[in-house]
Amino acid sequence: MRNTAIRTGVKSAFKSALQAIATRDPKKDEEALRLELRTISKAASKGVLHPRNAARRVARLAKSLAAPT
């Protein structure tokens, strides 16, 4: 049950980060990215996410943040 709650939090933070990145507001982007990185790191450290899965998610966010509009 704990793992389910953590995974749901990771997914929710990922979606909100993507929405913030879509607005192209630098302040919102930084805040959402920092929150998502923290959430993913916590999940990986607790063993809920595999470390490579966490790295892949972080890379996807960074890639979408760096992509031109």
PDB file of N, CA and C in Angstrom:
ATOM      1  N   MET A   1       0.836  -1.197   0.000  1.00  0.00           N
ATOM      2  CA  MET A   1       0.000   0.000   0.000  1.00  0.00           C
ATOM      3  C   MET A   1       0.877   1.256   0.000  1.00  0.00           C
ATOM      4  N   ARG A   2       1.981   1.197   0.737  1.00  0.00           N
ATOM      5  CA  ARG A   2       2.866   2.358   0.778  1.00  0.00           C
ATOM      6  C   ARG A   2       3.450   2.615  -0.611  1.00  0.00           C
ATOM      7  N   ASN A   3       3.857   1.527  -1.292  1.00  0.00           N
ATOM      8  CA  ASN A   3       4.429   1.672  -2.624  1.00  0.00           C
ATOM      9  C   ASN A   3       3.432   2.288  -3.594  1.00  0.00           C
ATOM     10  N   THR A   4       2.178   1.889  -3.481  1.00  0.00           N
ATOM     11  CA  THR A   4       1.143   2.425  -4.359  1.00  0.00           C
ATOM     12  C   THR A   4       0.992   3.923  -4.152  1.00  0.00           C
ATOM     13  N   ALA A   5       1.003   4.351  -2.912  1.00  0.00           N
ATOM     14  CA  ALA A   5       0.865   5.779  -2.610  1.00  0.00           C
ATOM     15  C   ALA A   5       2.058   6.564  -3.150  1.00  0.00           C
ATOM     16  N   ILE A   6       3.236   6.019  -3.007  1.00  0.00           N
ATOM     17  CA  ILE A   6       4.432   6.714  -3.492  1.00  0.00           C
ATOM     18  C   ILE A   6       4.431   6.787  -5.014  1.00  0.00           C
ATOM     19  N   ARG A   7       4.074   5.686  -5.677  1.00  0.00           N
ATOM     20  CA  ARG A   7       4.023   5.693  -7.144  1.00  0.00           C
ATOM     21  C   ARG A   7       2.986   6.670  -7.671  1.00  0.00           C
ATOM     22  N   THR A   8       1.854   6.762  -6.989  1.00  0.00           N
ATOM     23  CA  THR A   8       0.823   7.713  -7.391  1.00  0.00           C
ATOM     24  C   THR A   8       1.350   9.136  -7.262  1.00  0.00           C
ATOM     25  N   GLY A   9       2.078   9.403  -6.187  1.00  0.00           N
ATOM     26  CA  GLY A   9       2.671  10.725  -6.003  1.00  0.00           C
ATOM     27  C   GLY A   9       3.680  11.057  -7.080  1.00  0.00           C
ATOM     28  N   VAL A  10       4.457  10.068  -7.492  1.00  0.00           N
ATOM     29  CA  VAL A  10       5.442  10.277  -8.555  1.00  0.00           C
ATOM     30  C   VAL A  10       4.726  10.616  -9.864  1.00  0.00           C
ATOM     31  N   LYS A  11       3.682   9.869 -10.173  1.00  0.00           N
ATOM     32  CA  LYS A  11       2.945  10.120 -11.410  1.00  0.00           C
ATOM     33  C   LYS A  11       2.286  11.496 -11.397  1.00  0.00           C
ATOM     34  N   SER A  12       1.702  11.867 -10.269  1.00  0.00           N
ATOM     35  CA  SER A  12       1.046  13.169 -10.164  1.00  0.00           C
ATOM     36  C   SER A  12       2.048  14.303 -10.310  1.00  0.00           C
ATOM     37  N   ALA A  13       3.188  14.171  -9.662  1.00  0.00           N
ATOM     38  CA  ALA A  13       4.214  15.205  -9.761  1.00  0.00           C
ATOM     39  C   ALA A  13       4.755  15.292 -11.186  1.00  0.00           C
ATOM     40  N   PHE A  14       4.876  14.151 -11.865  1.00  0.00           N
ATOM     41  CA  PHE A  14       5.357  14.135 -13.241  1.00  0.00           C
ATOM     42  C   PHE A  14       4.389  14.883 -14.153  1.00  0.00           C
ATOM     43  N   LYS A  15       3.107  14.620 -13.984  1.00  0.00           N
ATOM     44  CA  LYS A  15       2.102  15.291 -14.800  1.00  0.00           C
ATOM     45  C   LYS A  15       2.088  16.791 -14.541  1.00  0.00           C
ATOM     46  N   SER A  16       2.189  17.192 -13.279  1.00  0.00           N
ATOM     47  CA  SER A  16       2.191  18.618 -12.975  1.00  0.00           C
ATOM     48  C   SER A  16       3.454  19.284 -13.493  1.00  0.00           C
ATOM     49  N   ALA A  17       4.578  18.566 -13.485  1.00  0.00           N
ATOM     50  CA  ALA A  17       5.820  19.117 -14.032  1.00  0.00           C
ATOM     51  C   ALA A  17       5.692  19.310 -15.542  1.00  0.00           C
ATOM     52  N   LEU A  18       5.098  18.352 -16.228  1.00  0.00           N
ATOM     53  CA  LEU A  18       4.904  18.495 -17.669  1.00  0.00           C
ATOM     54  C   LEU A  18       3.981  19.663 -17.997  1.00  0.00           C
ATOM     55  N   GLN A  19       2.953  19.859 -17.187  1.00  0.00           N
ATOM     56  CA  GLN A  19       2.052  20.990 -17.404  1.00  0.00           C
ATOM     57  C   GLN A  19       2.783  22.310 -17.169  1.00  0.00           C
ATOM     58  N   ALA A  20       3.621  22.360 -16.146  1.00  0.00           N
ATOM     59  CA  ALA A  20       4.382  23.578 -15.864  1.00  0.00           C
ATOM     60  C   ALA A  20       5.367  23.868 -16.992  1.00  0.00           C
ATOM     61  N   ILE A  21       5.985  22.825 -17.518  1.00  0.00           N
ATOM     62  CA  ILE A  21       6.926  22.998 -18.621  1.00  0.00           C
ATOM     63  C   ILE A  21       6.192  23.488 -19.868  1.00  0.00           C
ATOM     64  N   ALA A  22       4.975  23.039 -20.060  1.00  0.00           N
ATOM     65  CA  ALA A  22       4.190  23.451 -21.221  1.00  0.00           C
ATOM     66  C   ALA A  22       3.866  24.938 -21.190  1.00  0.00           C
ATOM     67  N   THR A  23       3.771  25.529 -20.002  1.00  0.00           N
ATOM     68  CA  THR A  23       3.468  26.961 -19.896  1.00  0.00           C
ATOM     69  C   THR A  23       4.666  27.824 -20.256  1.00  0.00           C
ATOM     70  N   ARG A  24       5.879  27.245 -20.202  1.00  0.00           N
ATOM     71  CA  ARG A  24       7.126  27.944 -20.522  1.00  0.00           C
ATOM     72  C   ARG A  24       7.384  29.141 -19.607  1.00  0.00           C
ATOM     73  N   ASP A  25       6.948  29.042 -18.363  1.00  0.00           N
ATOM     74  CA  ASP A  25       7.261  30.047 -17.354  1.00  0.00           C
ATOM     75  C   ASP A  25       8.477  29.544 -16.589  1.00  0.00           C
ATOM     76  N   PRO A  26       9.629  30.202 -16.707  1.00  0.00           N
ATOM     77  CA  PRO A  26      10.863  29.681 -16.101  1.00  0.00           C
ATOM     78  C   PRO A  26      10.757  29.438 -14.598  1.00  0.00           C
ATOM     79  N   LYS A  27      10.046  30.293 -13.896  1.00  0.00           N
ATOM     80  CA  LYS A  27       9.932  30.131 -12.444  1.00  0.00           C
ATOM     81  C   LYS A  27       9.135  28.875 -12.094  1.00  0.00           C
ATOM     82  N   LYS A  28       8.020  28.663 -12.793  1.00  0.00           N
ATOM     83  CA  LYS A  28       7.205  27.469 -12.561  1.00  0.00           C
ATOM     84  C   LYS A  28       7.953  26.207 -12.977  1.00  0.00           C
ATOM     85  N   ASP A  29       8.693  26.308 -14.090  1.00  0.00           N
ATOM     86  CA  ASP A  29       9.468  25.161 -14.575  1.00  0.00           C
ATOM     87  C   ASP A  29      10.451  24.685 -13.513  1.00  0.00           C
ATOM     88  N   GLU A  30      11.214  25.616 -12.956  1.00  0.00           N
ATOM     89  CA  GLU A  30      12.226  25.263 -11.958  1.00  0.00           C
ATOM     90  C   GLU A  30      11.593  24.621 -10.727  1.00  0.00           C
ATOM     91  N   GLU A  31      10.518  25.211 -10.252  1.00  0.00           N
ATOM     92  CA  GLU A  31       9.858  24.702  -9.043  1.00  0.00           C
ATOM     93  C   GLU A  31       9.278  23.307  -9.276  1.00  0.00           C
ATOM     94  N   ALA A  32       8.593  23.126 -10.398  1.00  0.00           N
ATOM     95  CA  ALA A  32       7.990  21.829 -10.699  1.00  0.00           C
ATOM     96  C   ALA A  32       9.059  20.765 -10.917  1.00  0.00           C
ATOM     97  N   LEU A  33      10.128  21.126 -11.596  1.00  0.00           N
ATOM     98  CA  LEU A  33      11.209  20.176 -11.840  1.00  0.00           C
ATOM     99  C   LEU A  33      11.877  19.768 -10.529  1.00  0.00           C
ATOM    100  N   ARG A  34      12.118  20.733  -9.656  1.00  0.00           N
ATOM    101  CA  ARG A  34      12.744  20.432  -8.368  1.00  0.00           C
ATOM    102  C   ARG A  34      11.852  19.512  -7.527  1.00  0.00           C
ATOM    103  N   LEU A  35      10.557  19.770  -7.519  1.00  0.00           N
ATOM    104  CA  LEU A  35       9.628  18.930  -6.766  1.00  0.00           C
ATOM    105  C   LEU A  35       9.595  17.511  -7.329  1.00  0.00           C
ATOM    106  N   GLU A  36       9.576  17.388  -8.649  1.00  0.00           N
ATOM    107  CA  GLU A  36       9.533  16.064  -9.268  1.00  0.00           C
ATOM    108  C   GLU A  36      10.834  15.299  -9.035  1.00  0.00           C
ATOM    109  N   LEU A  37      11.961  15.970  -9.133  1.00  0.00           N
ATOM    110  CA  LEU A  37      13.240  15.307  -8.879  1.00  0.00           C
ATOM    111  C   LEU A  37      13.312  14.803  -7.445  1.00  0.00           C
ATOM    112  N   ARG A  38      12.809  15.593  -6.531  1.00  0.00           N
ATOM    113  CA  ARG A  38      12.791  15.186  -5.121  1.00  0.00           C
ATOM    114  C   ARG A  38      11.899  13.968  -4.924  1.00  0.00           C
ATOM    115  N   THR A  39      10.733  13.984  -5.547  1.00  0.00           N
ATOM    116  CA  THR A  39       9.793  12.875  -5.432  1.00  0.00           C
ATOM    117  C   THR A  39      10.372  11.594  -6.023  1.00  0.00           C
ATOM    118  N   ILE A  40      10.985  11.706  -7.196  1.00  0.00           N
ATOM    119  CA  ILE A  40      11.572  10.536  -7.846  1.00  0.00           C
ATOM    120  C   ILE A  40      12.739   9.993  -7.021  1.00  0.00           C
ATOM    121  N   SER A  41      13.573  10.879  -6.511  1.00  0.00           N
ATOM    122  CA  SER A  41      14.724  10.447  -5.712  1.00  0.00           C
ATOM    123  C   SER A  41      14.293   9.716  -4.454  1.00  0.00           C
ATOM    124  N   LYS A  42      13.269  10.233  -3.807  1.00  0.00           N
ATOM    125  CA  LYS A  42      12.760   9.566  -2.604  1.00  0.00           C
ATOM    126  C   LYS A  42      12.226   8.183  -2.932  1.00  0.00           C
ATOM    127  N   ALA A  43      11.482   8.077  -4.020  1.00  0.00           N
ATOM    128  CA  ALA A  43      10.917   6.780  -4.409  1.00  0.00           C
ATOM    129  C   ALA A  43      12.022   5.786  -4.740  1.00  0.00           C
ATOM    130  N   ALA A  44      13.069   6.251  -5.405  1.00  0.00           N
ATOM    131  CA  ALA A  44      14.174   5.355  -5.758  1.00  0.00           C
ATOM    132  C   ALA A  44      14.949   4.940  -4.510  1.00  0.00           C
ATOM    133  N   SER A  45      15.139   5.859  -3.583  1.00  0.00           N
ATOM    134  CA  SER A  45      15.896   5.521  -2.377  1.00  0.00           C
ATOM    135  C   SER A  45      15.142   4.549  -1.482  1.00  0.00           C
ATOM    136  N   LYS A  46      13.831   4.569  -1.539  1.00  0.00           N
ATOM    137  CA  LYS A  46      13.028   3.653  -0.734  1.00  0.00           C
ATOM    138  C   LYS A  46      12.823   2.307  -1.421  1.00  0.00           C
ATOM    139  N   GLY A  47      13.267   2.207  -2.677  1.00  0.00           N
ATOM    140  CA  GLY A  47      13.141   0.951  -3.395  1.00  0.00           C
ATOM    141  C   GLY A  47      11.820   0.791  -4.126  1.00  0.00           C
ATOM    142  N   VAL A  48      11.034   1.836  -4.179  1.00  0.00           N
ATOM    143  CA  VAL A  48       9.752   1.765  -4.876  1.00  0.00           C
ATOM    144  C   VAL A  48       9.986   1.787  -6.385  1.00  0.00           C
ATOM    145  N   LEU A  49      10.928   2.625  -6.825  1.00  0.00           N
ATOM    146  CA  LEU A  49      11.309   2.684  -8.227  1.00  0.00           C
ATOM    147  C   LEU A  49      12.719   2.135  -8.376  1.00  0.00           C
ATOM    148  N   HIS A  50      12.956   1.459  -9.470  1.00  0.00           N
ATOM    149  CA  HIS A  50      14.303   1.000  -9.779  1.00  0.00           C
ATOM    150  C   HIS A  50      15.157   2.229 -10.108  1.00  0.00           C
ATOM    151  N   PRO A  51      16.411   2.236  -9.713  1.00  0.00           N
ATOM    152  CA  PRO A  51      17.258   3.411  -9.976  1.00  0.00           C
ATOM    153  C   PRO A  51      17.326   3.802 -11.451  1.00  0.00           C
ATOM    154  N   ARG A  52      17.354   2.845 -12.344  1.00  0.00           N
ATOM    155  CA  ARG A  52      17.384   3.183 -13.773  1.00  0.00           C
ATOM    156  C   ARG A  52      16.071   3.782 -14.232  1.00  0.00           C
ATOM    157  N   ASN A  53      14.977   3.294 -13.663  1.00  0.00           N
ATOM    158  CA  ASN A  53      13.662   3.848 -13.985  1.00  0.00           C
ATOM    159  C   ASN A  53      13.617   5.312 -13.534  1.00  0.00           C
ATOM    160  N   ALA A  54      14.138   5.579 -12.352  1.00  0.00           N
ATOM    161  CA  ALA A  54      14.164   6.946 -11.836  1.00  0.00           C
ATOM    162  C   ALA A  54      15.027   7.831 -12.735  1.00  0.00           C
ATOM    163  N   ALA A  55      16.181   7.333 -13.143  1.00  0.00           N
ATOM    164  CA  ALA A  55      17.071   8.108 -14.013  1.00  0.00           C
ATOM    165  C   ALA A  55      16.402   8.396 -15.349  1.00  0.00           C
ATOM    166  N   ARG A  56      15.687   7.415 -15.872  1.00  0.00           N
ATOM    167  CA  ARG A  56      14.994   7.594 -17.151  1.00  0.00           C
ATOM    168  C   ARG A  56      13.907   8.673 -17.036  1.00  0.00           C
ATOM    169  N   ARG A  57      13.179   8.664 -15.943  1.00  0.00           N
ATOM    170  CA  ARG A  57      12.140   9.676 -15.743  1.00  0.00           C
ATOM    171  C   ARG A  57      12.736  11.075 -15.633  1.00  0.00           C
ATOM    172  N   VAL A  58      13.839  11.180 -14.926  1.00  0.00           N
ATOM    173  CA  VAL A  58      14.512  12.472 -14.783  1.00  0.00           C
ATOM    174  C   VAL A  58      15.009  12.949 -16.145  1.00  0.00           C
ATOM    175  N   ALA A  59      15.566  12.042 -16.926  1.00  0.00           N
ATOM    176  CA  ALA A  59      16.064  12.402 -18.254  1.00  0.00           C
ATOM    177  C   ALA A  59      14.938  12.873 -19.152  1.00  0.00           C
ATOM    178  N   ARG A  60      13.811  12.230 -19.074  1.00  0.00           N
ATOM    179  CA  ARG A  60      12.651  12.644 -19.895  1.00  0.00           C
ATOM    180  C   ARG A  60      12.202  14.053 -19.536  1.00  0.00           C
ATOM    181  N   LEU A  61      12.183  14.353 -18.239  1.00  0.00           N
ATOM    182  CA  LEU A  61      11.787  15.701 -17.825  1.00  0.00           C
ATOM    183  C   LEU A  61      12.798  16.726 -18.294  1.00  0.00           C
ATOM    184  N   ALA A  62      14.077  16.425 -18.129  1.00  0.00           N
ATOM    185  CA  ALA A  62      15.113  17.357 -18.540  1.00  0.00           C
ATOM    186  C   ALA A  62      15.057  17.595 -20.053  1.00  0.00           C
ATOM    187  N   LYS A  63      14.796  16.538 -20.794  1.00  0.00           N
ATOM    188  CA  LYS A  63      14.704  16.635 -22.242  1.00  0.00           C
ATOM    189  C   LYS A  63      13.523  17.512 -22.660  1.00  0.00           C
ATOM    190  N   SER A  64      12.388  17.335 -22.004  1.00  0.00           N
ATOM    191  CA  SER A  64      11.219  18.139 -22.348  1.00  0.00           C
ATOM    192  C   SER A  64      11.399  19.596 -21.932  1.00  0.00           C
ATOM    193  N   LEU A  65      12.161  19.821 -20.867  1.00  0.00           N
ATOM    194  CA  LEU A  65      12.432  21.192 -20.438  1.00  0.00           C
ATOM    195  C   LEU A  65      13.367  21.880 -21.423  1.00  0.00           C
ATOM    196  N   ALA A  66      14.334  21.154 -21.960  1.00  0.00           N
ATOM    197  CA  ALA A  66      15.311  21.735 -22.872  1.00  0.00           C
ATOM    198  C   ALA A  66      14.798  21.834 -24.307  1.00  0.00           C
ATOM    199  N   ALA A  67      13.707  21.171 -24.612  1.00  0.00           N
ATOM    200  CA  ALA A  67      13.193  21.170 -25.992  1.00  0.00           C
ATOM    201  C   ALA A  67      12.695  22.553 -26.382  1.00  0.00           C
ATOM    202  N   PRO A  68      13.008  22.970 -27.602  1.00  0.00           N
ATOM    203  CA  PRO A  68      12.497  24.271 -28.063  1.00  0.00           C
ATOM    204  C   PRO A  68      10.996  24.188 -28.297  1.00  0.00           C
ATOM    205  N   THR A  69      10.341  25.312 -28.222  1.00  0.00           N
ATOM    206  CA  THR A  69       8.897  25.335 -28.405  1.00  0.00           C
ATOM    207  C   THR A  69       8.499  25.350 -29.832  1.00  0.00           C
TER     208      THR A  69
END
